[in-house]
Amino acid sequence: MHKSDRRTKTTATVRETEAEAVAFIVGQAIGLEMGKASSDYIQMYAGNAALLAESLEVIQRTSAVILDAITGEPSGSASAAPVTTTETQNEMAEVA
């Protein structure tokens, strides 16, 4: 995520917000208790709900790649319920 060409086109705030949002989603998906640490970290980097909404596609795509690697199943498979944009927005709104 941080090593793509996109890195030079984004700010540290965007990169850190996206990375922490991905960590939150992946952690929650595998059953970790995420608490408020992600929210605090995102706010420390001046991230907010608007930035999360703008970055939603990157966050979802990156989270799916990581979860696919962990579970060994594509996120679009019949056995894995796909995460909807609304669900992800709701989860991220709780963080921001």
PDB file of N, CA and C in Angstrom:
ATOM      1  N   MET A   1       0.823  -1.180   0.000  1.00  0.00           N
ATOM      2  CA  MET A   1       0.000   0.000   0.000  1.00  0.00           C
ATOM      3  C   MET A   1       0.875   1.254   0.000  1.00  0.00           C
ATOM      4  N   HIS A   2       1.904   1.279   0.830  1.00  0.00           N
ATOM      5  CA  HIS A   2       2.765   2.458   0.910  1.00  0.00           C
ATOM      6  C   HIS A   2       3.859   2.461  -0.150  1.00  0.00           C
ATOM      7  N   LYS A   3       4.043   1.341  -0.854  1.00  0.00           N
ATOM      8  CA  LYS A   3       5.148   1.263  -1.800  1.00  0.00           C
ATOM      9  C   LYS A   3       4.719   1.438  -3.251  1.00  0.00           C
ATOM     10  N   SER A   4       3.489   1.792  -3.499  1.00  0.00           N
ATOM     11  CA  SER A   4       3.012   1.973  -4.867  1.00  0.00           C
ATOM     12  C   SER A   4       3.333   3.377  -5.360  1.00  0.00           C
ATOM     13  N   ASP A   5       3.075   3.599  -6.642  1.00  0.00           N
ATOM     14  CA  ASP A   5       3.253   4.937  -7.209  1.00  0.00           C
ATOM     15  C   ASP A   5       2.352   5.953  -6.524  1.00  0.00           C
ATOM     16  N   ARG A   6       1.265   5.464  -5.973  1.00  0.00           N
ATOM     17  CA  ARG A   6       0.304   6.332  -5.303  1.00  0.00           C
ATOM     18  C   ARG A   6       0.940   7.064  -4.115  1.00  0.00           C
ATOM     19  N   ARG A   7       1.968   6.477  -3.537  1.00  0.00           N
ATOM     20  CA  ARG A   7       2.626   7.066  -2.362  1.00  0.00           C
ATOM     21  C   ARG A   7       3.066   8.502  -2.623  1.00  0.00           C
ATOM     22  N   THR A   8       3.604   8.757  -3.798  1.00  0.00           N
ATOM     23  CA  THR A   8       4.100  10.099  -4.100  1.00  0.00           C
ATOM     24  C   THR A   8       2.965  11.082  -4.368  1.00  0.00           C
ATOM     25  N   LYS A   9       1.753  10.554  -4.556  1.00  0.00           N
ATOM     26  CA  LYS A   9       0.608  11.407  -4.861  1.00  0.00           C
ATOM     27  C   LYS A   9      -0.288  11.649  -3.652  1.00  0.00           C
ATOM     28  N   THR A  10       0.096  11.127  -2.499  1.00  0.00           N
ATOM     29  CA  THR A  10      -0.723  11.287  -1.298  1.00  0.00           C
ATOM     30  C   THR A  10       0.122  11.882  -0.168  1.00  0.00           C
ATOM     31  N   THR A  11      -0.572  12.378   0.825  1.00  0.00           N
ATOM     32  CA  THR A  11       0.097  12.963   1.990  1.00  0.00           C
ATOM     33  C   THR A  11       0.287  11.887   3.062  1.00  0.00           C
ATOM     34  N   ALA A  12       1.091  12.215   4.049  1.00  0.00           N
ATOM     35  CA  ALA A  12       1.268  11.297   5.179  1.00  0.00           C
ATOM     36  C   ALA A  12      -0.061  11.071   5.881  1.00  0.00           C
ATOM     37  N   THR A  13      -0.891  12.085   5.963  1.00  0.00           N
ATOM     38  CA  THR A  13      -2.198  11.946   6.601  1.00  0.00           C
ATOM     39  C   THR A  13      -3.043  10.908   5.877  1.00  0.00           C
ATOM     40  N   VAL A  14      -3.072  10.977   4.560  1.00  0.00           N
ATOM     41  CA  VAL A  14      -3.837  10.005   3.771  1.00  0.00           C
ATOM     42  C   VAL A  14      -3.265   8.603   3.957  1.00  0.00           C
ATOM     43  N   ARG A  15      -1.960   8.469   3.833  1.00  0.00           N
ATOM     44  CA  ARG A  15      -1.330   7.142   3.950  1.00  0.00           C
ATOM     45  C   ARG A  15      -1.550   6.526   5.328  1.00  0.00           C
ATOM     46  N   GLU A  16      -1.353   7.295   6.369  1.00  0.00           N
ATOM     47  CA  GLU A  16      -1.513   6.760   7.722  1.00  0.00           C
ATOM     48  C   GLU A  16      -2.974   6.461   8.041  1.00  0.00           C
ATOM     49  N   THR A  17      -3.874   7.302   7.563  1.00  0.00           N
ATOM     50  CA  THR A  17      -5.303   7.059   7.784  1.00  0.00           C
ATOM     51  C   THR A  17      -5.733   5.778   7.084  1.00  0.00           C
ATOM     52  N   GLU A  18      -5.324   5.616   5.831  1.00  0.00           N
ATOM     53  CA  GLU A  18      -5.681   4.412   5.088  1.00  0.00           C
ATOM     54  C   GLU A  18      -5.081   3.165   5.729  1.00  0.00           C
ATOM     55  N   ALA A  19      -3.817   3.240   6.109  1.00  0.00           N
ATOM     56  CA  ALA A  19      -3.158   2.076   6.711  1.00  0.00           C
ATOM     57  C   ALA A  19      -3.828   1.682   8.026  1.00  0.00           C
ATOM     58  N   GLU A  20      -4.156   2.646   8.842  1.00  0.00           N
ATOM     59  CA  GLU A  20      -4.792   2.337  10.125  1.00  0.00           C
ATOM     60  C   GLU A  20      -6.211   1.814   9.925  1.00  0.00           C
ATOM     61  N   ALA A  21      -6.913   2.353   8.936  1.00  0.00           N
ATOM     62  CA  ALA A  21      -8.258   1.858   8.639  1.00  0.00           C
ATOM     63  C   ALA A  21      -8.205   0.411   8.163  1.00  0.00           C
ATOM     64  N   VAL A  22      -7.222   0.087   7.348  1.00  0.00           N
ATOM     65  CA  VAL A  22      -7.043  -1.298   6.898  1.00  0.00           C
ATOM     66  C   VAL A  22      -6.733  -2.190   8.100  1.00  0.00           C
ATOM     67  N   ALA A  23      -5.850  -1.748   8.967  1.00  0.00           N
ATOM     68  CA  ALA A  23      -5.514  -2.531  10.159  1.00  0.00           C
ATOM     69  C   ALA A  23      -6.756  -2.768  11.016  1.00  0.00           C
ATOM     70  N   PHE A  24      -7.584  -1.748  11.150  1.00  0.00           N
ATOM     71  CA  PHE A  24      -8.816  -1.865  11.926  1.00  0.00           C
ATOM     72  C   PHE A  24      -9.751  -2.910  11.316  1.00  0.00           C
ATOM     73  N   ILE A  25      -9.978  -2.816  10.016  1.00  0.00           N
ATOM     74  CA  ILE A  25     -10.898  -3.742   9.347  1.00  0.00           C
ATOM     75  C   ILE A  25     -10.385  -5.167   9.409  1.00  0.00           C
ATOM     76  N   VAL A  26      -9.121  -5.364   9.114  1.00  0.00           N
ATOM     77  CA  VAL A  26      -8.547  -6.712   9.140  1.00  0.00           C
ATOM     78  C   VAL A  26      -8.572  -7.265  10.561  1.00  0.00           C
ATOM     79  N   GLY A  27      -8.170  -6.474  11.524  1.00  0.00           N
ATOM     80  CA  GLY A  27      -8.182  -6.924  12.918  1.00  0.00           C
ATOM     81  C   GLY A  27      -9.574  -7.307  13.371  1.00  0.00           C
ATOM     82  N   GLN A  28     -10.533  -6.469  13.054  1.00  0.00           N
ATOM     83  CA  GLN A  28     -11.919  -6.757  13.436  1.00  0.00           C
ATOM     84  C   GLN A  28     -12.431  -8.009  12.723  1.00  0.00           C
ATOM     85  N   ALA A  29     -12.084  -8.164  11.453  1.00  0.00           N
ATOM     86  CA  ALA A  29     -12.550  -9.313  10.674  1.00  0.00           C
ATOM     87  C   ALA A  29     -12.013 -10.637  11.214  1.00  0.00           C
ATOM     88  N   ILE A  30     -10.824 -10.618  11.792  1.00  0.00           N
ATOM     89  CA  ILE A  30     -10.262 -11.865  12.324  1.00  0.00           C
ATOM     90  C   ILE A  30     -10.533 -12.039  13.814  1.00  0.00           C
ATOM     91  N   GLY A  31     -11.347 -11.133  14.358  1.00  0.00           N
ATOM     92  CA  GLY A  31     -11.808 -11.328  15.724  1.00  0.00           C
ATOM     93  C   GLY A  31     -11.039 -10.618  16.811  1.00  0.00           C
ATOM     94  N   LEU A  32     -10.181  -9.689  16.453  1.00  0.00           N
ATOM     95  CA  LEU A  32      -9.453  -8.941  17.472  1.00  0.00           C
ATOM     96  C   LEU A  32     -10.325  -7.831  18.034  1.00  0.00           C
ATOM     97  N   GLU A  33     -10.149  -7.528  19.298  1.00  0.00           N
ATOM     98  CA  GLU A  33     -10.840  -6.405  19.923  1.00  0.00           C
ATOM     99  C   GLU A  33     -10.024  -5.162  19.590  1.00  0.00           C
ATOM    100  N   MET A  34     -10.590  -4.282  18.770  1.00  0.00           N
ATOM    101  CA  MET A  34      -9.823  -3.152  18.257  1.00  0.00           C
ATOM    102  C   MET A  34      -9.903  -1.908  19.144  1.00  0.00           C
ATOM    103  N   GLY A  35     -10.926  -1.783  19.959  1.00  0.00           N
ATOM    104  CA  GLY A  35     -11.010  -0.648  20.871  1.00  0.00           C
ATOM    105  C   GLY A  35     -10.950   0.685  20.143  1.00  0.00           C
ATOM    106  N   LYS A  36     -10.370   1.691  20.794  1.00  0.00           N
ATOM    107  CA  LYS A  36     -10.296   3.043  20.246  1.00  0.00           C
ATOM    108  C   LYS A  36      -8.925   3.404  19.699  1.00  0.00           C
ATOM    109  N   ALA A  37      -7.998   2.487  19.709  1.00  0.00           N
ATOM    110  CA  ALA A  37      -6.638   2.809  19.275  1.00  0.00           C
ATOM    111  C   ALA A  37      -6.591   3.313  17.835  1.00  0.00           C
ATOM    112  N   SER A  38      -7.358   2.687  16.947  1.00  0.00           N
ATOM    113  CA  SER A  38      -7.361   3.128  15.548  1.00  0.00           C
ATOM    114  C   SER A  38      -7.909   4.536  15.415  1.00  0.00           C
ATOM    115  N   SER A  39      -8.978   4.808  16.125  1.00  0.00           N
ATOM    116  CA  SER A  39      -9.569   6.140  16.092  1.00  0.00           C
ATOM    117  C   SER A  39      -8.573   7.185  16.583  1.00  0.00           C
ATOM    118  N   ASP A  40      -7.920   6.888  17.678  1.00  0.00           N
ATOM    119  CA  ASP A  40      -6.947   7.824  18.241  1.00  0.00           C
ATOM    120  C   ASP A  40      -5.790   8.065  17.269  1.00  0.00           C
ATOM    121  N   TYR A  41      -5.310   6.989  16.634  1.00  0.00           N
ATOM    122  CA  TYR A  41      -4.192   7.103  15.702  1.00  0.00           C
ATOM    123  C   TYR A  41      -4.590   7.939  14.488  1.00  0.00           C
ATOM    124  N   ILE A  42      -5.773   7.652  13.932  1.00  0.00           N
ATOM    125  CA  ILE A  42      -6.248   8.403  12.773  1.00  0.00           C
ATOM    126  C   ILE A  42      -6.393   9.880  13.125  1.00  0.00           C
ATOM    127  N   GLN A  43      -6.936  10.171  14.277  1.00  0.00           N
ATOM    128  CA  GLN A  43      -7.089  11.566  14.693  1.00  0.00           C
ATOM    129  C   GLN A  43      -5.737  12.231  14.934  1.00  0.00           C
ATOM    130  N   MET A  44      -4.760  11.487  15.422  1.00  0.00           N
ATOM    131  CA  MET A  44      -3.426  12.026  15.638  1.00  0.00           C
ATOM    132  C   MET A  44      -2.824  12.515  14.317  1.00  0.00           C
ATOM    133  N   TYR A  45      -3.139  11.821  13.234  1.00  0.00           N
ATOM    134  CA  TYR A  45      -2.652  12.222  11.917  1.00  0.00           C
ATOM    135  C   TYR A  45      -3.633  13.142  11.191  1.00  0.00           C
ATOM    136  N   ALA A  46      -4.591  13.696  11.905  1.00  0.00           N
ATOM    137  CA  ALA A  46      -5.584  14.646  11.369  1.00  0.00           C
ATOM    138  C   ALA A  46      -6.504  14.008  10.337  1.00  0.00           C
ATOM    139  N   GLY A  47      -6.669  12.707  10.405  1.00  0.00           N
ATOM    140  CA  GLY A  47      -7.624  12.029   9.543  1.00  0.00           C
ATOM    141  C   GLY A  47      -9.029  12.234  10.079  1.00  0.00           C
ATOM    142  N   ASN A  48     -10.023  12.093   9.207  1.00  0.00           N
ATOM    143  CA  ASN A  48     -11.406  12.299   9.632  1.00  0.00           C
ATOM    144  C   ASN A  48     -12.336  11.463   8.764  1.00  0.00           C
ATOM    145  N   ALA A  49     -13.624  11.555   9.032  1.00  0.00           N
ATOM    146  CA  ALA A  49     -14.612  10.747   8.316  1.00  0.00           C
ATOM    147  C   ALA A  49     -14.620  11.063   6.825  1.00  0.00           C
ATOM    148  N   ALA A  50     -14.429  12.312   6.461  1.00  0.00           N
ATOM    149  CA  ALA A  50     -14.415  12.678   5.039  1.00  0.00           C
ATOM    150  C   ALA A  50     -13.248  12.017   4.318  1.00  0.00           C
ATOM    151  N   LEU A  51     -12.087  12.017   4.937  1.00  0.00           N
ATOM    152  CA  LEU A  51     -10.919  11.371   4.341  1.00  0.00           C
ATOM    153  C   LEU A  51     -11.134   9.867   4.229  1.00  0.00           C
ATOM    154  N   LEU A  52     -11.709   9.271   5.259  1.00  0.00           N
ATOM    155  CA  LEU A  52     -12.003   7.841   5.204  1.00  0.00           C
ATOM    156  C   LEU A  52     -12.955   7.527   4.056  1.00  0.00           C
ATOM    157  N   ALA A  53     -13.965   8.358   3.866  1.00  0.00           N
ATOM    158  CA  ALA A  53     -14.918   8.150   2.775  1.00  0.00           C
ATOM    159  C   ALA A  53     -14.226   8.268   1.417  1.00  0.00           C
ATOM    160  N   GLU A  54     -13.347   9.241   1.282  1.00  0.00           N
ATOM    161  CA  GLU A  54     -12.605   9.424   0.027  1.00  0.00           C
ATOM    162  C   GLU A  54     -11.681   8.247  -0.252  1.00  0.00           C
ATOM    163  N   SER A  55     -11.160   7.634   0.786  1.00  0.00           N
ATOM    164  CA  SER A  55     -10.200   6.538   0.651  1.00  0.00           C
ATOM    165  C   SER A  55     -10.850   5.161   0.719  1.00  0.00           C
ATOM    166  N   LEU A  56     -12.144   5.117   0.771  1.00  0.00           N
ATOM    167  CA  LEU A  56     -12.853   3.859   1.007  1.00  0.00           C
ATOM    168  C   LEU A  56     -12.486   2.763   0.016  1.00  0.00           C
ATOM    169  N   GLU A  57     -12.380   3.103  -1.259  1.00  0.00           N
ATOM    170  CA  GLU A  57     -12.060   2.080  -2.257  1.00  0.00           C
ATOM    171  C   GLU A  57     -10.687   1.456  -2.002  1.00  0.00           C
ATOM    172  N   VAL A  58      -9.701   2.289  -1.710  1.00  0.00           N
ATOM    173  CA  VAL A  58      -8.345   1.795  -1.420  1.00  0.00           C
ATOM    174  C   VAL A  58      -8.360   0.950  -0.152  1.00  0.00           C
ATOM    175  N   ILE A  59      -9.067   1.414   0.854  1.00  0.00           N
ATOM    176  CA  ILE A  59      -9.143   0.691   2.131  1.00  0.00           C
ATOM    177  C   ILE A  59      -9.797  -0.670   1.931  1.00  0.00           C
ATOM    178  N   GLN A  60     -10.912  -0.706   1.213  1.00  0.00           N
ATOM    179  CA  GLN A  60     -11.604  -1.980   0.985  1.00  0.00           C
ATOM    180  C   GLN A  60     -10.753  -2.934   0.161  1.00  0.00           C
ATOM    181  N   ARG A  61     -10.153  -2.428  -0.908  1.00  0.00           N
ATOM    182  CA  ARG A  61      -9.350  -3.282  -1.782  1.00  0.00           C
ATOM    183  C   ARG A  61      -8.154  -3.868  -1.023  1.00  0.00           C
ATOM    184  N   THR A  62      -7.466  -3.036  -0.268  1.00  0.00           N
ATOM    185  CA  THR A  62      -6.289  -3.495   0.479  1.00  0.00           C
ATOM    186  C   THR A  62      -6.687  -4.479   1.574  1.00  0.00           C
ATOM    187  N   SER A  63      -7.770  -4.182   2.273  1.00  0.00           N
ATOM    188  CA  SER A  63      -8.257  -5.096   3.316  1.00  0.00           C
ATOM    189  C   SER A  63      -8.611  -6.452   2.721  1.00  0.00           C
ATOM    190  N   ALA A  64      -9.263  -6.443   1.562  1.00  0.00           N
ATOM    191  CA  ALA A  64      -9.660  -7.694   0.913  1.00  0.00           C
ATOM    192  C   ALA A  64      -8.450  -8.528   0.527  1.00  0.00           C
ATOM    193  N   VAL A  65      -7.408  -7.890   0.015  1.00  0.00           N
ATOM    194  CA  VAL A  65      -6.197  -8.614  -0.364  1.00  0.00           C
ATOM    195  C   VAL A  65      -5.578  -9.287   0.865  1.00  0.00           C
ATOM    196  N   ILE A  66      -5.496  -8.559   1.957  1.00  0.00           N
ATOM    197  CA  ILE A  66      -4.908  -9.111   3.184  1.00  0.00           C
ATOM    198  C   ILE A  66      -5.776 -10.238   3.739  1.00  0.00           C
ATOM    199  N   LEU A  67      -7.077 -10.025   3.794  1.00  0.00           N
ATOM    200  CA  LEU A  67      -7.976 -11.063   4.320  1.00  0.00           C
ATOM    201  C   LEU A  67      -7.981 -12.300   3.430  1.00  0.00           C
ATOM    202  N   ASP A  68      -7.896 -12.107   2.116  1.00  0.00           N
ATOM    203  CA  ASP A  68      -7.800 -13.249   1.203  1.00  0.00           C
ATOM    204  C   ASP A  68      -6.543 -14.067   1.502  1.00  0.00           C
ATOM    205  N   ALA A  69      -5.434 -13.377   1.765  1.00  0.00           N
ATOM    206  CA  ALA A  69      -4.183 -14.067   2.074  1.00  0.00           C
ATOM    207  C   ALA A  69      -4.274 -14.812   3.404  1.00  0.00           C
ATOM    208  N   ILE A  70      -4.967 -14.251   4.360  1.00  0.00           N
ATOM    209  CA  ILE A  70      -5.111 -14.893   5.666  1.00  0.00           C
ATOM    210  C   ILE A  70      -6.024 -16.111   5.587  1.00  0.00           C
ATOM    211  N   THR A  71      -7.155 -15.942   4.917  1.00  0.00           N
ATOM    212  CA  THR A  71      -8.152 -17.022   4.880  1.00  0.00           C
ATOM    213  C   THR A  71      -7.904 -18.020   3.769  1.00  0.00           C
ATOM    214  N   GLY A  72      -7.156 -17.623   2.751  1.00  0.00           N
ATOM    215  CA  GLY A  72      -6.943 -18.498   1.609  1.00  0.00           C
ATOM    216  C   GLY A  72      -8.126 -18.558   0.672  1.00  0.00           C
ATOM    217  N   GLU A  73      -9.112 -17.708   0.903  1.00  0.00           N
ATOM    218  CA  GLU A  73     -10.310 -17.668   0.060  1.00  0.00           C
ATOM    219  C   GLU A  73     -10.484 -16.265  -0.492  1.00  0.00           C
ATOM    220  N   PRO A  74     -10.844 -16.172  -1.778  1.00  0.00           N
ATOM    221  CA  PRO A  74     -11.147 -14.831  -2.304  1.00  0.00           C
ATOM    222  C   PRO A  74     -12.355 -14.256  -1.590  1.00  0.00           C
ATOM    223  N   SER A  75     -12.332 -12.964  -1.310  1.00  0.00           N
ATOM    224  CA  SER A  75     -13.430 -12.349  -0.565  1.00  0.00           C
ATOM    225  C   SER A  75     -14.750 -12.421  -1.314  1.00  0.00           C
ATOM    226  N   GLY A  76     -14.722 -12.655  -2.619  1.00  0.00           N
ATOM    227  CA  GLY A  76     -15.948 -12.768  -3.389  1.00  0.00           C
ATOM    228  C   GLY A  76     -16.479 -14.178  -3.462  1.00  0.00           C
ATOM    229  N   SER A  77     -15.864 -15.126  -2.732  1.00  0.00           N
ATOM    230  CA  SER A  77     -16.302 -16.520  -2.810  1.00  0.00           C
ATOM    231  C   SER A  77     -17.638 -16.716  -2.123  1.00  0.00           C
ATOM    232  N   ALA A  78     -18.283 -17.808  -2.457  1.00  0.00           N
ATOM    233  CA  ALA A  78     -19.615 -18.080  -1.903  1.00  0.00           C
ATOM    234  C   ALA A  78     -19.573 -18.259  -0.392  1.00  0.00           C
ATOM    235  N   SER A  79     -18.453 -18.732   0.140  1.00  0.00           N
ATOM    236  CA  SER A  79     -18.390 -18.991   1.581  1.00  0.00           C
ATOM    237  C   SER A  79     -18.054 -17.743   2.391  1.00  0.00           C
ATOM    238  N   ALA A  80     -17.603 -16.707   1.728  1.00  0.00           N
ATOM    239  CA  ALA A  80     -17.268 -15.475   2.445  1.00  0.00           C
ATOM    240  C   ALA A  80     -18.259 -14.392   2.059  1.00  0.00           C
ATOM    241  N   ALA A  81     -18.897 -13.827   3.055  1.00  0.00           N
ATOM    242  CA  ALA A  81     -19.856 -12.758   2.784  1.00  0.00           C
ATOM    243  C   ALA A  81     -19.101 -11.503   2.392  1.00  0.00           C
ATOM    244  N   PRO A  82     -19.419 -10.926   1.243  1.00  0.00           N
ATOM    245  CA  PRO A  82     -18.705  -9.713   0.841  1.00  0.00           C
ATOM    246  C   PRO A  82     -19.043  -8.549   1.763  1.00  0.00           C
ATOM    247  N   VAL A  83     -18.069  -7.722   2.009  1.00  0.00           N
ATOM    248  CA  VAL A  83     -18.280  -6.542   2.838  1.00  0.00           C
ATOM    249  C   VAL A  83     -18.818  -5.447   1.935  1.00  0.00           C
ATOM    250  N   THR A  84     -19.918  -4.850   2.331  1.00  0.00           N
ATOM    251  CA  THR A  84     -20.509  -3.806   1.513  1.00  0.00           C
ATOM    252  C   THR A  84     -19.909  -2.459   1.861  1.00  0.00           C
ATOM    253  N   THR A  85     -20.065  -1.533   0.951  1.00  0.00           N
ATOM    254  CA  THR A  85     -19.569  -0.185   1.183  1.00  0.00           C
ATOM    255  C   THR A  85     -20.223   0.415   2.420  1.00  0.00           C
ATOM    256  N   THR A  86     -21.513   0.190   2.584  1.00  0.00           N
ATOM    257  CA  THR A  86     -22.232   0.735   3.738  1.00  0.00           C
ATOM    258  C   THR A  86     -21.684   0.169   5.039  1.00  0.00           C
ATOM    259  N   GLU A  87     -21.434  -1.147   5.078  1.00  0.00           N
ATOM    260  CA  GLU A  87     -20.892  -1.759   6.297  1.00  0.00           C
ATOM    261  C   GLU A  87     -19.535  -1.160   6.637  1.00  0.00           C
ATOM    262  N   THR A  88     -18.684  -1.016   5.639  1.00  0.00           N
ATOM    263  CA  THR A  88     -17.357  -0.464   5.879  1.00  0.00           C
ATOM    264  C   THR A  88     -17.453   0.990   6.311  1.00  0.00           C
ATOM    265  N   GLN A  89     -18.327   1.759   5.680  1.00  0.00           N
ATOM    266  CA  GLN A  89     -18.498   3.155   6.073  1.00  0.00           C
ATOM    267  C   GLN A  89     -18.966   3.254   7.515  1.00  0.00           C
ATOM    268  N   ASN A  90     -19.897   2.383   7.914  1.00  0.00           N
ATOM    269  CA  ASN A  90     -20.387   2.397   9.296  1.00  0.00           C
ATOM    270  C   ASN A  90     -19.269   2.074  10.270  1.00  0.00           C
ATOM    271  N   GLU A  91     -18.456   1.063   9.948  1.00  0.00           N
ATOM    272  CA  GLU A  91     -17.348   0.693  10.829  1.00  0.00           C
ATOM    273  C   GLU A  91     -16.344   1.840  10.937  1.00  0.00           C
ATOM    274  N   MET A  92     -16.037   2.459   9.816  1.00  0.00           N
ATOM    275  CA  MET A  92     -15.067   3.537   9.823  1.00  0.00           C
ATOM    276  C   MET A  92     -15.631   4.787  10.505  1.00  0.00           C
ATOM    277  N   ALA A  93     -16.933   5.000  10.409  1.00  0.00           N
ATOM    278  CA  ALA A  93     -17.529   6.145  11.093  1.00  0.00           C
ATOM    279  C   ALA A  93     -17.372   6.000  12.596  1.00  0.00           C
ATOM    280  N   GLU A  94     -17.417   4.762  13.074  1.00  0.00           N
ATOM    281  CA  GLU A  94     -17.211   4.517  14.495  1.00  0.00           C
ATOM    282  C   GLU A  94     -15.794   4.842  14.906  1.00  0.00           C
ATOM    283  N   VAL A  95     -14.843   4.648  13.986  1.00  0.00           N
ATOM    284  CA  VAL A  95     -13.442   4.908  14.273  1.00  0.00           C
ATOM    285  C   VAL A  95     -13.153   6.402  14.269  1.00  0.00           C
ATOM    286  N   ALA A  96     -13.725   7.109  13.296  1.00  0.00           N
ATOM    287  CA  ALA A  96     -13.401   8.536  13.128  1.00  0.00           C
ATOM    288  C   ALA A  96     -14.047   9.420  14.156  1.00  0.00           C
TER     289      ALA A  96
END
